[in-house]
């Protein structure tokens, strides 16, 4: 009877640890979700590129930034839990750029 009780206690402890660790792991996965948005941005010169490259990486959740002057495009990869496409668009507009999200 004592052995059965000890086995039951150990099983409950093991299942509790498994449940807690899987919950923590699932929460971390949600925080790591990222998305990429591509904006058409009217840039007049390479100074515009520098302005974007100096400011946008400091927006919350931005993981990667690519600015293509020839294509007039800005690609931003960001954490979805921390930021949104709309907020990033507003950040570019604050820098006095005309911005349009490209669908695709």
Protein backbone atom coordinates (compact mmCIF):
# COMPACT_ATOMS: atom_id res chain seq x y z
CA UNK A 1 0.00 0.00 0.00
CA UNK A 2 2.87 2.38 0.87
CA UNK A 3 4.56 1.65 -2.46
CA UNK A 4 1.34 2.38 -4.35
CA UNK A 5 0.92 5.67 -2.47
CA UNK A 6 4.54 6.69 -3.25
CA UNK A 7 4.10 5.85 -6.92
CA UNK A 8 0.90 7.88 -7.03
CA UNK A 9 2.60 10.89 -5.38
CA UNK A 10 5.57 10.70 -7.79
CA UNK A 11 3.20 10.46 -10.75
CA UNK A 12 1.27 13.52 -9.59
CA UNK A 13 4.50 15.50 -9.10
CA UNK A 14 5.80 14.45 -12.54
CA UNK A 15 2.53 15.40 -14.23
CA UNK A 16 2.50 18.75 -12.43
CA UNK A 17 6.03 19.53 -13.59
CA UNK A 18 5.14 18.51 -17.13
CA UNK A 19 2.01 20.69 -17.13
CA UNK A 20 3.83 23.74 -15.75
CA UNK A 21 6.76 23.43 -18.15
CA UNK A 22 4.50 23.02 -21.18
CA UNK A 23 2.48 26.09 -20.14
CA UNK A 24 5.64 28.18 -19.78
CA UNK A 25 6.97 26.92 -23.13
CA UNK A 26 3.69 27.74 -24.90
CA UNK A 27 3.74 31.25 -23.43
CA UNK A 28 7.28 31.82 -24.71
CA UNK A 29 6.29 30.69 -28.20
CA UNK A 30 3.48 33.23 -28.31
CA UNK A 31 5.87 36.04 -27.38
CA UNK A 32 8.20 35.05 -30.22
CA UNK A 33 5.61 35.32 -33.00
CA UNK A 34 6.88 37.67 -35.67
CA UNK A 35 5.39 39.15 -38.80
CA UNK A 36 6.85 41.05 -41.72
CA UNK A 37 5.20 44.03 -43.36
CA UNK A 38 6.32 45.76 -46.55
CA UNK A 39 5.54 49.41 -47.06
CA UNK A 40 5.83 51.53 -50.18
CA UNK A 41 7.59 54.65 -48.92
CA UNK A 42 8.23 57.73 -51.03
CA UNK A 43 11.94 58.44 -50.52
CA UNK A 44 13.69 61.27 -52.38
CA UNK A 45 17.33 60.53 -51.57
CA UNK A 46 19.72 58.32 -49.65
CA UNK A 47 19.29 60.69 -46.71
CA UNK A 48 15.73 59.40 -46.44
CA UNK A 49 17.10 55.86 -46.25
CA UNK A 50 19.44 56.90 -43.44
CA UNK A 51 16.62 58.61 -41.57
CA UNK A 52 14.54 55.41 -41.66
CA UNK A 53 17.50 53.19 -40.76
CA UNK A 54 18.36 55.39 -37.77
CA UNK A 55 14.84 55.61 -36.31
CA UNK A 56 12.71 52.57 -37.10
CA UNK A 57 14.93 49.91 -35.44
CA UNK A 58 14.20 51.62 -32.12
CA UNK A 59 10.46 51.02 -32.41
CA UNK A 60 9.22 48.37 -29.97
CA UNK A 61 9.52 44.80 -31.19
CA UNK A 62 11.38 45.53 -34.44
CA UNK A 63 13.63 42.57 -35.23
CA UNK A 64 14.77 43.37 -38.78
CA UNK A 65 14.63 46.29 -41.19
CA UNK A 66 15.41 46.40 -44.90
CA UNK A 67 15.21 49.62 -46.89
CA UNK A 68 15.31 49.43 -50.70
CA UNK A 69 15.67 52.90 -52.20
CA UNK A 70 15.35 51.74 -55.81
CA UNK A 71 12.08 49.90 -55.19
CA UNK A 72 10.90 52.56 -52.70
CA UNK A 73 10.14 49.80 -50.19
CA UNK A 74 10.70 49.27 -46.48
CA UNK A 75 10.41 45.77 -45.04
CA UNK A 76 10.00 45.49 -41.26
CA UNK A 77 9.98 42.25 -39.27
CA UNK A 78 8.51 42.72 -35.80
CA UNK A 79 7.11 40.90 -32.77
CA UNK A 80 3.34 40.83 -33.10
CA UNK A 81 2.79 40.85 -29.35
CA UNK A 82 4.69 44.12 -28.97
CA UNK A 83 3.83 46.11 -32.09
CA UNK A 84 1.50 46.23 -35.10
CA UNK A 85 1.55 47.14 -38.78
CA UNK A 86 -0.52 50.23 -38.04
CA UNK A 87 1.90 51.50 -35.40
CA UNK A 88 4.88 50.96 -37.68
CA UNK A 89 3.10 52.84 -40.46
CA UNK A 90 2.48 55.72 -38.05
CA UNK A 91 6.15 55.69 -37.05
CA UNK A 92 7.18 56.11 -40.69
CA UNK A 93 4.60 58.85 -41.17
CA UNK A 94 5.99 60.69 -38.14
CA UNK A 95 9.26 60.88 -40.05
CA UNK A 96 7.32 62.80 -42.74
CA UNK A 97 7.09 60.01 -45.33
CA UNK A 98 4.09 59.08 -47.47
CA UNK A 99 3.48 55.42 -46.60
CA UNK A 100 1.29 52.70 -48.09
CA UNK A 101 1.20 49.04 -47.04
CA UNK A 102 1.83 46.62 -49.88
CA UNK A 103 -0.39 43.55 -49.89
CA UNK A 104 1.11 40.35 -50.94
